[in-house]
Amino acid sequence: MGDNITITKTEVLHQSKYTLKNVTYETVNSKPQTREVYDRGDAAAVLLYNKESKKVVLTRQLRLPTFLNGNPSGMLIEVCAGMLDNDDPATCARREAEEETGYQIDQVQHAFDTYTSPGGVTERLYCFVAAYTPEMKVSKGGGLAEEGEEIELLEPTLDEALRMIETGAIKDAKTIMLLQYAKLHNLA
């Protein structure tokens, strides 16, 4: 279908860190349509797992949009993730793992890619998994102060993390998908 899409007009509605556009397009089978499209770039996420201890590393941090949409504390439990910032996805995943968790990961395994909110956001999320051991801990983690990050680390077993999905303690889509991937592939 991609060959049948014609972009007829693009208007930038707002540009700051990311860009909000109004895009008018048509297809062979439709009249012109307009959609608001939020372009925030692509990102990478990584689930750290330890096969021996059966544990995974998760983060908890404030996510203002969730507070604005019904999350009373605004805190969200997630896998570590971040914007590519001109890195390739695997490099980004390793960088974010070290910044957020303090674990220096050499090898990441690509799990899958996903579009996070395809009705209005261009972001493609590259998802990885990586084995970790206590010896890989090189710093306390917690994120970058200059980016306003205050990240708490959690280290539940995979089964405990999966129960956190059932209880509603974990609501983040990328985290749910990567935890389910880990279970399906017997990673922890």
C-alpha atoms as a PDB file:
ATOM      1  CA  MET A   1       0.000   0.000   0.000  1.00  0.00           C
ATOM      2  CA  GLY A   2       2.973   2.348   0.574  1.00  0.00           C
ATOM      3  CA  ASP A   3       3.265   3.028  -3.150  1.00  0.00           C
ATOM      4  CA  ASN A   4      -0.356   4.182  -3.156  1.00  0.00           C
ATOM      5  CA  ILE A   5       0.094   6.928  -0.542  1.00  0.00           C
ATOM      6  CA  THR A   6       0.632  10.502  -1.708  1.00  0.00           C
ATOM      7  CA  ILE A   7       1.519  13.198   0.828  1.00  0.00           C
ATOM      8  CA  THR A   8      -0.119  16.373  -0.491  1.00  0.00           C
ATOM      9  CA  LYS A   9       0.674  18.796   2.343  1.00  0.00           C
ATOM     10  CA  THR A  10       2.745  18.898   5.531  1.00  0.00           C
ATOM     11  CA  GLU A  11       2.396  21.733   8.017  1.00  0.00           C
ATOM     12  CA  VAL A  12       4.533  22.030  11.153  1.00  0.00           C
ATOM     13  CA  LEU A  13       2.180  22.863  14.034  1.00  0.00           C
ATOM     14  CA  HIS A  14       4.831  22.968  16.751  1.00  0.00           C
ATOM     15  CA  GLN A  15       8.529  22.275  16.946  1.00  0.00           C
ATOM     16  CA  SER A  16      10.524  22.087  20.154  1.00  0.00           C
ATOM     17  CA  LYS A  17      12.400  18.979  21.244  1.00  0.00           C
ATOM     18  CA  TYR A  18      10.056  16.988  19.006  1.00  0.00           C
ATOM     19  CA  THR A  19       7.827  17.979  16.080  1.00  0.00           C
ATOM     20  CA  LEU A  20       4.039  17.995  15.724  1.00  0.00           C
ATOM     21  CA  LYS A  21       2.853  18.084  12.102  1.00  0.00           C
ATOM     22  CA  ASN A  22      -0.452  18.171  10.278  1.00  0.00           C
ATOM     23  CA  VAL A  23      -0.093  15.816   7.304  1.00  0.00           C
ATOM     24  CA  THR A  24      -2.596  15.661   4.462  1.00  0.00           C
ATOM     25  CA  TYR A  25      -2.456  12.559   2.285  1.00  0.00           C
ATOM     26  CA  GLU A  26      -4.513  10.517  -0.080  1.00  0.00           C
ATOM     27  CA  THR A  27      -4.518   6.969  -1.308  1.00  0.00           C
ATOM     28  CA  VAL A  28      -5.742   5.498  -4.557  1.00  0.00           C
ATOM     29  CA  ASN A  29      -8.942   4.414  -2.817  1.00  0.00           C
ATOM     30  CA  SER A  30      -9.660   7.414  -0.592  1.00  0.00           C
ATOM     31  CA  LYS A  31     -10.291  11.116  -0.626  1.00  0.00           C
ATOM     32  CA  PRO A  32      -7.720  13.412   1.058  1.00  0.00           C
ATOM     33  CA  GLN A  33      -7.368  12.913   4.802  1.00  0.00           C
ATOM     34  CA  THR A  34      -5.474  14.911   7.437  1.00  0.00           C
ATOM     35  CA  ARG A  35      -3.763  13.530  10.519  1.00  0.00           C
ATOM     36  CA  GLU A  36      -1.743  15.112  13.305  1.00  0.00           C
ATOM     37  CA  VAL A  37       1.563  13.262  13.525  1.00  0.00           C
ATOM     38  CA  TYR A  38       3.978  13.571  16.431  1.00  0.00           C
ATOM     39  CA  ASP A  39       7.584  12.893  15.398  1.00  0.00           C
ATOM     40  CA  ARG A  40       9.766  12.187  18.417  1.00  0.00           C
ATOM     41  CA  GLY A  41      12.407  10.039  16.749  1.00  0.00           C
ATOM     42  CA  ASP A  42      13.155   6.389  17.393  1.00  0.00           C
ATOM     43  CA  ALA A  43      14.151   4.698  20.633  1.00  0.00           C
ATOM     44  CA  ALA A  44      15.602   1.488  22.029  1.00  0.00           C
ATOM     45  CA  ALA A  45      14.650  -0.530  25.108  1.00  0.00           C
ATOM     46  CA  VAL A  46      16.431  -3.403  26.827  1.00  0.00           C
ATOM     47  CA  LEU A  47      15.388  -5.953  29.421  1.00  0.00           C
ATOM     48  CA  LEU A  48      18.293  -7.143  31.545  1.00  0.00           C
ATOM     49  CA  TYR A  49      17.921 -10.719  32.791  1.00  0.00           C
ATOM     50  CA  ASN A  50      19.963 -13.116  34.896  1.00  0.00           C
ATOM     51  CA  LYS A  51      19.382 -16.770  34.016  1.00  0.00           C
ATOM     52  CA  GLU A  52      20.963 -18.042  37.248  1.00  0.00           C
ATOM     53  CA  SER A  53      19.037 -15.896  39.744  1.00  0.00           C
ATOM     54  CA  LYS A  54      15.944 -15.751  37.480  1.00  0.00           C
ATOM     55  CA  LYS A  55      15.859 -11.981  38.054  1.00  0.00           C
ATOM     56  CA  VAL A  56      15.283  -9.034  35.762  1.00  0.00           C
ATOM     57  CA  VAL A  57      16.253  -5.391  36.203  1.00  0.00           C
ATOM     58  CA  LEU A  58      13.463  -2.831  36.019  1.00  0.00           C
ATOM     59  CA  THR A  59      13.330   0.882  36.718  1.00  0.00           C
ATOM     60  CA  ARG A  60      10.784   3.082  38.439  1.00  0.00           C
ATOM     61  CA  GLN A  61      10.590   6.749  37.538  1.00  0.00           C
ATOM     62  CA  LEU A  62       8.206   9.654  37.247  1.00  0.00           C
ATOM     63  CA  ARG A  63       6.368   9.835  33.922  1.00  0.00           C
ATOM     64  CA  LEU A  64       4.333  13.050  33.928  1.00  0.00           C
ATOM     65  CA  PRO A  65       1.978  12.059  31.062  1.00  0.00           C
ATOM     66  CA  THR A  66       0.804   9.048  33.089  1.00  0.00           C
ATOM     67  CA  PHE A  67       0.066  11.336  36.050  1.00  0.00           C
ATOM     68  CA  LEU A  68      -1.948  13.596  33.754  1.00  0.00           C
ATOM     69  CA  ASN A  69      -3.921  10.555  32.586  1.00  0.00           C
ATOM     70  CA  GLY A  70      -4.943   8.888  35.840  1.00  0.00           C
ATOM     71  CA  ASN A  71      -1.762   7.451  37.408  1.00  0.00           C
ATOM     72  CA  PRO A  72      -1.999   8.936  40.931  1.00  0.00           C
ATOM     73  CA  SER A  73       1.742   8.856  41.698  1.00  0.00           C
ATOM     74  CA  GLY A  74       2.997   9.391  38.159  1.00  0.00           C
ATOM     75  CA  MET A  75       5.559   6.637  38.814  1.00  0.00           C
ATOM     76  CA  LEU A  76       5.963   3.940  36.190  1.00  0.00           C
ATOM     77  CA  ILE A  77       7.845   0.640  36.289  1.00  0.00           C
ATOM     78  CA  GLU A  78       9.726   0.044  33.051  1.00  0.00           C
ATOM     79  CA  VAL A  79      12.646  -1.600  31.315  1.00  0.00           C
ATOM     80  CA  CYS A  80      15.446   0.852  30.601  1.00  0.00           C
ATOM     81  CA  ALA A  81      15.007   2.766  27.382  1.00  0.00           C
ATOM     82  CA  GLY A  82      15.893   5.973  25.629  1.00  0.00           C
ATOM     83  CA  MET A  83      15.977   7.912  22.414  1.00  0.00           C
ATOM     84  CA  LEU A  84      18.562   6.839  19.821  1.00  0.00           C
ATOM     85  CA  ASP A  85      20.240  10.274  19.796  1.00  0.00           C
ATOM     86  CA  ASN A  86      22.130   9.457  16.568  1.00  0.00           C
ATOM     87  CA  ASP A  87      23.300   6.058  17.879  1.00  0.00           C
ATOM     88  CA  ASP A  88      22.367   2.754  16.320  1.00  0.00           C
ATOM     89  CA  PRO A  89      19.698   0.904  18.346  1.00  0.00           C
ATOM     90  CA  ALA A  90      22.072  -1.633  19.970  1.00  0.00           C
ATOM     91  CA  THR A  91      24.484   1.099  21.076  1.00  0.00           C
ATOM     92  CA  CYS A  92      21.577   3.068  22.506  1.00  0.00           C
ATOM     93  CA  ALA A  93      20.321   0.021  24.429  1.00  0.00           C
ATOM     94  CA  ARG A  94      23.768  -0.545  25.979  1.00  0.00           C
ATOM     95  CA  ARG A  95      24.139   3.175  26.796  1.00  0.00           C
ATOM     96  CA  GLU A  96      20.726   3.366  28.468  1.00  0.00           C
ATOM     97  CA  ALA A  97      21.373   0.174  30.452  1.00  0.00           C
ATOM     98  CA  GLU A  98      24.521   1.682  31.940  1.00  0.00           C
ATOM     99  CA  GLU A  99      23.038   5.144  32.581  1.00  0.00           C
ATOM    100  CA  GLU A 100      19.849   3.872  34.164  1.00  0.00           C
ATOM    101  CA  THR A 101      20.918   0.642  35.892  1.00  0.00           C
ATOM    102  CA  GLY A 102      24.685   0.904  36.280  1.00  0.00           C
ATOM    103  CA  TYR A 103      25.233  -2.382  34.431  1.00  0.00           C
ATOM    104  CA  GLN A 104      27.730  -2.285  31.581  1.00  0.00           C
ATOM    105  CA  ILE A 105      26.365  -4.678  28.980  1.00  0.00           C
ATOM    106  CA  ASP A 106      28.575  -5.818  26.114  1.00  0.00           C
ATOM    107  CA  GLN A 107      26.107  -7.958  24.193  1.00  0.00           C
ATOM    108  CA  VAL A 108      22.457  -7.205  23.479  1.00  0.00           C
ATOM    109  CA  GLN A 109      20.156  -9.514  21.542  1.00  0.00           C
ATOM    110  CA  HIS A 110      17.548  -7.994  19.258  1.00  0.00           C
ATOM    111  CA  ALA A 111      14.094  -9.242  20.223  1.00  0.00           C
ATOM    112  CA  PHE A 112      11.681  -7.259  18.018  1.00  0.00           C
ATOM    113  CA  ASP A 113      10.697  -3.779  16.824  1.00  0.00           C
ATOM    114  CA  THR A 114       7.377  -2.118  17.484  1.00  0.00           C
ATOM    115  CA  TYR A 115       5.542   1.104  16.730  1.00  0.00           C
ATOM    116  CA  THR A 116       4.468   2.436  20.107  1.00  0.00           C
ATOM    117  CA  SER A 117       1.362   4.410  19.127  1.00  0.00           C
ATOM    118  CA  PRO A 118       0.987   4.123  15.346  1.00  0.00           C
ATOM    119  CA  GLY A 119      -2.168   6.205  15.060  1.00  0.00           C
ATOM    120  CA  GLY A 120      -0.338   9.429  15.823  1.00  0.00           C
ATOM    121  CA  VAL A 121       3.320   8.903  16.743  1.00  0.00           C
ATOM    122  CA  THR A 122       6.136   8.037  14.309  1.00  0.00           C
ATOM    123  CA  GLU A 123       8.385   6.407  16.948  1.00  0.00           C
ATOM    124  CA  ARG A 124       9.784   2.963  16.213  1.00  0.00           C
ATOM    125  CA  LEU A 125      11.012   1.170  19.315  1.00  0.00           C
ATOM    126  CA  TYR A 126      13.850  -1.333  18.927  1.00  0.00           C
ATOM    127  CA  CYS A 127      13.573  -3.922  21.704  1.00  0.00           C
ATOM    128  CA  PHE A 128      16.483  -5.950  23.072  1.00  0.00           C
ATOM    129  CA  VAL A 129      17.285  -8.387  25.848  1.00  0.00           C
ATOM    130  CA  ALA A 130      20.667  -8.775  27.527  1.00  0.00           C
ATOM    131  CA  ALA A 131      22.091 -11.121  30.124  1.00  0.00           C
ATOM    132  CA  TYR A 132      23.676  -9.498  33.163  1.00  0.00           C
ATOM    133  CA  THR A 133      25.708 -10.650  36.140  1.00  0.00           C
ATOM    134  CA  PRO A 134      26.556  -8.813  39.372  1.00  0.00           C
ATOM    135  CA  GLU A 135      30.130  -8.363  38.078  1.00  0.00           C
ATOM    136  CA  MET A 136      28.836  -6.117  35.279  1.00  0.00           C
ATOM    137  CA  LYS A 137      27.730  -3.438  37.774  1.00  0.00           C
ATOM    138  CA  VAL A 138      30.058  -0.442  37.188  1.00  0.00           C
ATOM    139  CA  SER A 139      28.043   2.354  38.825  1.00  0.00           C
ATOM    140  CA  LYS A 140      24.932   2.903  40.922  1.00  0.00           C
ATOM    141  CA  GLY A 141      22.858   3.858  37.867  1.00  0.00           C
ATOM    142  CA  GLY A 142      19.819   6.004  38.468  1.00  0.00           C
ATOM    143  CA  GLY A 143      19.905   7.996  35.239  1.00  0.00           C
ATOM    144  CA  LEU A 144      21.481  11.311  34.321  1.00  0.00           C
ATOM    145  CA  ALA A 145      20.940  14.222  36.691  1.00  0.00           C
ATOM    146  CA  GLU A 146      21.343  16.705  33.818  1.00  0.00           C
ATOM    147  CA  GLU A 147      18.330  15.077  32.149  1.00  0.00           C
ATOM    148  CA  GLY A 148      16.305  15.315  35.356  1.00  0.00           C
ATOM    149  CA  GLU A 149      16.268  11.545  35.788  1.00  0.00           C
ATOM    150  CA  GLU A 150      15.709  10.085  39.247  1.00  0.00           C
ATOM    151  CA  ILE A 151      15.505   6.375  38.596  1.00  0.00           C
ATOM    152  CA  GLU A 152      14.965   3.697  41.221  1.00  0.00           C
ATOM    153  CA  LEU A 153      16.140   0.172  40.415  1.00  0.00           C
ATOM    154  CA  LEU A 154      14.048  -2.939  41.007  1.00  0.00           C
ATOM    155  CA  GLU A 155      15.271  -6.506  40.688  1.00  0.00           C
ATOM    156  CA  PRO A 156      12.322  -8.896  40.860  1.00  0.00           C
ATOM    157  CA  THR A 157      12.330 -12.422  39.550  1.00  0.00           C
ATOM    158  CA  LEU A 158      10.770 -12.803  36.116  1.00  0.00           C
ATOM    159  CA  ASP A 159       7.762 -14.524  37.695  1.00  0.00           C
ATOM    160  CA  GLU A 160       7.333 -11.666  40.190  1.00  0.00           C
ATOM    161  CA  ALA A 161       7.512  -9.148  37.333  1.00  0.00           C
ATOM    162  CA  LEU A 162       4.891 -11.075  35.367  1.00  0.00           C
ATOM    163  CA  ARG A 163       2.607 -11.022  38.429  1.00  0.00           C
ATOM    164  CA  MET A 164       3.139  -7.252  38.571  1.00  0.00           C
ATOM    165  CA  ILE A 165       1.530  -7.084  35.122  1.00  0.00           C
ATOM    166  CA  GLU A 166      -1.483  -9.026  36.414  1.00  0.00           C
ATOM    167  CA  THR A 167      -1.879  -6.770  39.459  1.00  0.00           C
ATOM    168  CA  GLY A 168      -1.535  -3.594  37.405  1.00  0.00           C
ATOM    169  CA  ALA A 169       1.757  -2.545  39.022  1.00  0.00           C
ATOM    170  CA  ILE A 170       3.368  -2.677  35.554  1.00  0.00           C
ATOM    171  CA  LYS A 171       1.405  -0.793  32.881  1.00  0.00           C
ATOM    172  CA  ASP A 172       4.150   0.143  30.415  1.00  0.00           C
ATOM    173  CA  ALA A 173       3.668  -1.537  27.018  1.00  0.00           C
ATOM    174  CA  LYS A 174       7.346  -2.062  26.110  1.00  0.00           C
ATOM    175  CA  THR A 175       7.976  -3.591  29.514  1.00  0.00           C
ATOM    176  CA  ILE A 176       5.007  -5.932  29.245  1.00  0.00           C
ATOM    177  CA  MET A 177       6.096  -7.064  25.777  1.00  0.00           C
ATOM    178  CA  LEU A 178       9.722  -7.651  26.796  1.00  0.00           C
ATOM    179  CA  LEU A 179       8.746  -9.536  29.961  1.00  0.00           C
ATOM    180  CA  GLN A 180       6.442 -11.759  27.920  1.00  0.00           C
ATOM    181  CA  TYR A 181       9.253 -12.263  25.394  1.00  0.00           C
ATOM    182  CA  ALA A 182      11.568 -13.317  28.241  1.00  0.00           C
ATOM    183  CA  LYS A 183       8.994 -15.832  29.498  1.00  0.00           C
ATOM    184  CA  LEU A 184       8.350 -17.255  26.024  1.00  0.00           C
ATOM    185  CA  HIS A 185      12.082 -17.695  25.430  1.00  0.00           C
ATOM    186  CA  ASN A 186      12.899 -19.021  28.925  1.00  0.00           C
ATOM    187  CA  LEU A 187      15.442 -16.282  29.544  1.00  0.00           C
ATOM    188  CA  ALA A 188      15.138 -16.212  33.340  1.00  0.00           C
END
